[in-house]
Amino acid sequence: MKRIVISILLSFLGPGLGQIYNKEYKKGTILLVIASSLFLLPMIWLVIALGPMLPDPRTEVIHPDKIQALAKEVIGKDRHLLNLISFTFLGIWAYAITQAYFKSKELNEKIKKEEIKE
C-alpha cells in the first residue's frame, strides 16, 4: 500500500515521477519531458509574443495593467490553441497518475506472491 501512495503522490507532483519510482525509467522520462514541454511552451510563447509589443523599459515606465492588457490581447488571439495544450497536459497528467497506480499495484501483488512462495 505504501508503494501505491508514494507513486500516486509523485505522479501528482510531476507527471512521470511515479513511473520513475516504479522503475519504468523510459516511460517516466518521456512523460516528464512531454509534460514539461506542454507546461513551459505557452509561457515561452507568451514572452516571445509580448516582447516586441512592450515599450523600452529604459525610456518608459511600464505599468503592470498595460502588460496584463497586452497579455490578454495576445492570449485572446490563440486561446483555442492554448486550451488544447492545457487539456493535453491535464490528460497526460491524469494518465501518469493512473498508470503509476496500476503499476505499483501490480508490483505489490508480485511482491506478495514472492513472499508466499518463500
C-alpha atoms as a PDB file:
ATOM      1  CA  MET A   1       0.000   0.000   0.000  1.00  0.00           C
ATOM      2  CA  LYS A   2       2.881   2.345   0.794  1.00  0.00           C
ATOM      3  CA  ARG A   3       4.283   1.984  -2.751  1.00  0.00           C
ATOM      4  CA  ILE A   4       0.886   2.854  -4.251  1.00  0.00           C
ATOM      5  CA  VAL A   5       0.510   6.044  -2.196  1.00  0.00           C
ATOM      6  CA  ILE A   6       4.070   7.196  -2.889  1.00  0.00           C
ATOM      7  CA  SER A   7       3.817   6.593  -6.641  1.00  0.00           C
ATOM      8  CA  ILE A   8       0.482   8.407  -6.855  1.00  0.00           C
ATOM      9  CA  LEU A   9       1.817  11.382  -4.869  1.00  0.00           C
ATOM     10  CA  LEU A  10       4.942  11.560  -7.020  1.00  0.00           C
ATOM     11  CA  SER A  11       2.852  11.453 -10.206  1.00  0.00           C
ATOM     12  CA  PHE A  12       0.623  14.161  -8.781  1.00  0.00           C
ATOM     13  CA  LEU A  13       3.682  16.347  -8.170  1.00  0.00           C
ATOM     14  CA  GLY A  14       5.042  15.750 -11.662  1.00  0.00           C
ATOM     15  CA  PRO A  15       3.820  13.511 -14.477  1.00  0.00           C
ATOM     16  CA  GLY A  16       6.357  10.711 -14.882  1.00  0.00           C
ATOM     17  CA  LEU A  17       7.819  10.795 -11.365  1.00  0.00           C
ATOM     18  CA  GLY A  18       5.609   7.900 -10.232  1.00  0.00           C
ATOM     19  CA  GLN A  19       6.765   5.848 -13.218  1.00  0.00           C
ATOM     20  CA  ILE A  20      10.396   6.540 -12.364  1.00  0.00           C
ATOM     21  CA  TYR A  21       9.682   5.463  -8.770  1.00  0.00           C
ATOM     22  CA  ASN A  22       8.143   2.248 -10.143  1.00  0.00           C
ATOM     23  CA  LYS A  23      11.336   1.667 -12.150  1.00  0.00           C
ATOM     24  CA  GLU A  24       9.733   2.450 -15.500  1.00  0.00           C
ATOM     25  CA  TYR A  25      12.536   4.852 -16.356  1.00  0.00           C
ATOM     26  CA  LYS A  26      11.904   5.232 -20.082  1.00  0.00           C
ATOM     27  CA  LYS A  27       8.168   5.813 -19.709  1.00  0.00           C
ATOM     28  CA  GLY A  28       8.687   8.200 -16.783  1.00  0.00           C
ATOM     29  CA  THR A  29      11.299  10.232 -18.637  1.00  0.00           C
ATOM     30  CA  ILE A  30       9.117  10.508 -21.729  1.00  0.00           C
ATOM     31  CA  LEU A  31       6.110  11.641 -19.663  1.00  0.00           C
ATOM     32  CA  LEU A  32       8.262  14.111 -17.756  1.00  0.00           C
ATOM     33  CA  VAL A  33       9.695  15.642 -20.936  1.00  0.00           C
ATOM     34  CA  ILE A  34       6.309  15.876 -22.677  1.00  0.00           C
ATOM     35  CA  ALA A  35       4.555  17.350 -19.633  1.00  0.00           C
ATOM     36  CA  SER A  36       7.362  19.841 -19.014  1.00  0.00           C
ATOM     37  CA  SER A  37       7.255  20.932 -22.644  1.00  0.00           C
ATOM     38  CA  LEU A  38       3.475  21.363 -22.590  1.00  0.00           C
ATOM     39  CA  PHE A  39       3.791  23.359 -19.379  1.00  0.00           C
ATOM     40  CA  LEU A  40       6.650  25.638 -20.471  1.00  0.00           C
ATOM     41  CA  LEU A  41       5.899  26.219 -24.163  1.00  0.00           C
ATOM     42  CA  PRO A  42       2.875  28.504 -23.628  1.00  0.00           C
ATOM     43  CA  MET A  43       4.867  30.637 -21.219  1.00  0.00           C
ATOM     44  CA  ILE A  44       7.789  30.935 -23.626  1.00  0.00           C
ATOM     45  CA  TRP A  45       5.365  31.693 -26.468  1.00  0.00           C
ATOM     46  CA  LEU A  46       3.749  34.467 -24.399  1.00  0.00           C
ATOM     47  CA  VAL A  47       7.085  36.073 -23.572  1.00  0.00           C
ATOM     48  CA  ILE A  48       8.140  35.975 -27.232  1.00  0.00           C
ATOM     49  CA  ALA A  49       4.779  37.387 -28.377  1.00  0.00           C
ATOM     50  CA  LEU A  50       4.750  40.170 -25.783  1.00  0.00           C
ATOM     51  CA  GLY A  51       8.384  41.226 -26.192  1.00  0.00           C
ATOM     52  CA  PRO A  52       8.035  43.365 -29.325  1.00  0.00           C
ATOM     53  CA  MET A  53       4.801  44.949 -28.049  1.00  0.00           C
ATOM     54  CA  LEU A  54       6.292  46.315 -24.841  1.00  0.00           C
ATOM     55  CA  PRO A  55       7.964  49.730 -24.746  1.00  0.00           C
ATOM     56  CA  ASP A  56      11.629  50.088 -23.862  1.00  0.00           C
ATOM     57  CA  PRO A  57      11.869  49.949 -20.045  1.00  0.00           C
ATOM     58  CA  ARG A  58      14.903  52.266 -20.129  1.00  0.00           C
ATOM     59  CA  THR A  59      12.824  55.117 -21.549  1.00  0.00           C
ATOM     60  CA  GLU A  60       9.334  54.450 -20.225  1.00  0.00           C
ATOM     61  CA  VAL A  61       7.891  53.021 -17.028  1.00  0.00           C
ATOM     62  CA  ILE A  62       5.747  50.004 -17.858  1.00  0.00           C
ATOM     63  CA  HIS A  63       2.609  49.759 -15.773  1.00  0.00           C
ATOM     64  CA  PRO A  64       1.525  46.209 -14.833  1.00  0.00           C
ATOM     65  CA  ASP A  65      -2.020  46.910 -16.084  1.00  0.00           C
ATOM     66  CA  LYS A  66      -0.627  47.604 -19.556  1.00  0.00           C
ATOM     67  CA  ILE A  67       1.267  44.302 -19.561  1.00  0.00           C
ATOM     68  CA  GLN A  68      -1.857  42.487 -18.421  1.00  0.00           C
ATOM     69  CA  ALA A  69      -3.983  44.096 -21.139  1.00  0.00           C
ATOM     70  CA  LEU A  70      -1.425  43.191 -23.810  1.00  0.00           C
ATOM     71  CA  ALA A  71      -1.202  39.623 -22.497  1.00  0.00           C
ATOM     72  CA  LYS A  72      -4.996  39.266 -22.629  1.00  0.00           C
ATOM     73  CA  GLU A  73      -4.976  40.551 -26.186  1.00  0.00           C
ATOM     74  CA  VAL A  74      -2.269  38.105 -27.288  1.00  0.00           C
ATOM     75  CA  ILE A  75      -3.854  35.171 -25.466  1.00  0.00           C
ATOM     76  CA  GLY A  76      -7.273  36.009 -26.907  1.00  0.00           C
ATOM     77  CA  LYS A  77      -5.970  35.536 -30.442  1.00  0.00           C
ATOM     78  CA  ASP A  78      -4.728  31.993 -29.772  1.00  0.00           C
ATOM     79  CA  ARG A  79      -6.941  30.861 -26.917  1.00  0.00           C
ATOM     80  CA  HIS A  80      -8.118  27.711 -28.722  1.00  0.00           C
ATOM     81  CA  LEU A  81      -4.546  26.500 -29.167  1.00  0.00           C
ATOM     82  CA  LEU A  82      -3.733  27.317 -25.555  1.00  0.00           C
ATOM     83  CA  ASN A  83      -6.836  25.427 -24.397  1.00  0.00           C
ATOM     84  CA  LEU A  84      -5.783  22.427 -26.476  1.00  0.00           C
ATOM     85  CA  ILE A  85      -2.312  22.487 -24.934  1.00  0.00           C
ATOM     86  CA  SER A  86      -3.778  22.823 -21.427  1.00  0.00           C
ATOM     87  CA  PHE A  87      -6.182  19.928 -21.834  1.00  0.00           C
ATOM     88  CA  THR A  88      -3.462  17.773 -23.372  1.00  0.00           C
ATOM     89  CA  PHE A  89      -1.249  18.498 -20.362  1.00  0.00           C
ATOM     90  CA  LEU A  90      -4.077  17.604 -17.964  1.00  0.00           C
ATOM     91  CA  GLY A  91      -4.759  14.385 -19.883  1.00  0.00           C
ATOM     92  CA  ILE A  92      -1.121  13.332 -19.698  1.00  0.00           C
ATOM     93  CA  TRP A  93      -1.088  14.186 -16.008  1.00  0.00           C
ATOM     94  CA  ALA A  94      -4.170  12.018 -15.364  1.00  0.00           C
ATOM     95  CA  TYR A  95      -2.669   9.212 -17.466  1.00  0.00           C
ATOM     96  CA  ALA A  96       0.558   9.339 -15.455  1.00  0.00           C
ATOM     97  CA  ILE A  97      -1.297   9.154 -12.135  1.00  0.00           C
ATOM     98  CA  THR A  98      -3.472   6.212 -13.157  1.00  0.00           C
ATOM     99  CA  GLN A  99      -0.583   4.305 -14.733  1.00  0.00           C
ATOM    100  CA  ALA A 100       1.536   4.826 -11.619  1.00  0.00           C
ATOM    101  CA  TYR A 101      -1.323   3.409  -9.541  1.00  0.00           C
ATOM    102  CA  PHE A 102      -1.793   0.318 -11.701  1.00  0.00           C
ATOM    103  CA  LYS A 103       1.941  -0.419 -11.984  1.00  0.00           C
ATOM    104  CA  SER A 104       2.527  -0.033  -8.245  1.00  0.00           C
ATOM    105  CA  LYS A 105      -0.474  -2.262  -7.562  1.00  0.00           C
ATOM    106  CA  GLU A 106       0.997  -4.855  -9.934  1.00  0.00           C
ATOM    107  CA  LEU A 107       4.378  -4.619  -8.180  1.00  0.00           C
ATOM    108  CA  ASN A 108       2.702  -5.045  -4.763  1.00  0.00           C
ATOM    109  CA  GLU A 109       0.924  -8.200  -5.951  1.00  0.00           C
ATOM    110  CA  LYS A 110       4.192  -9.558  -7.365  1.00  0.00           C
ATOM    111  CA  ILE A 111       5.945  -8.954  -4.023  1.00  0.00           C
ATOM    112  CA  LYS A 112       3.109 -10.686  -2.136  1.00  0.00           C
ATOM    113  CA  LYS A 113       3.320 -13.736  -4.429  1.00  0.00           C
ATOM    114  CA  GLU A 114       7.067 -13.953  -3.885  1.00  0.00           C
ATOM    115  CA  GLU A 115       6.570 -13.763  -0.110  1.00  0.00           C
ATOM    116  CA  ILE A 116       4.002 -16.578  -0.252  1.00  0.00           C
ATOM    117  CA  LYS A 117       6.385 -18.816  -2.228  1.00  0.00           C
ATOM    118  CA  GLU A 118       9.069 -18.386   0.430  1.00  0.00           C
END
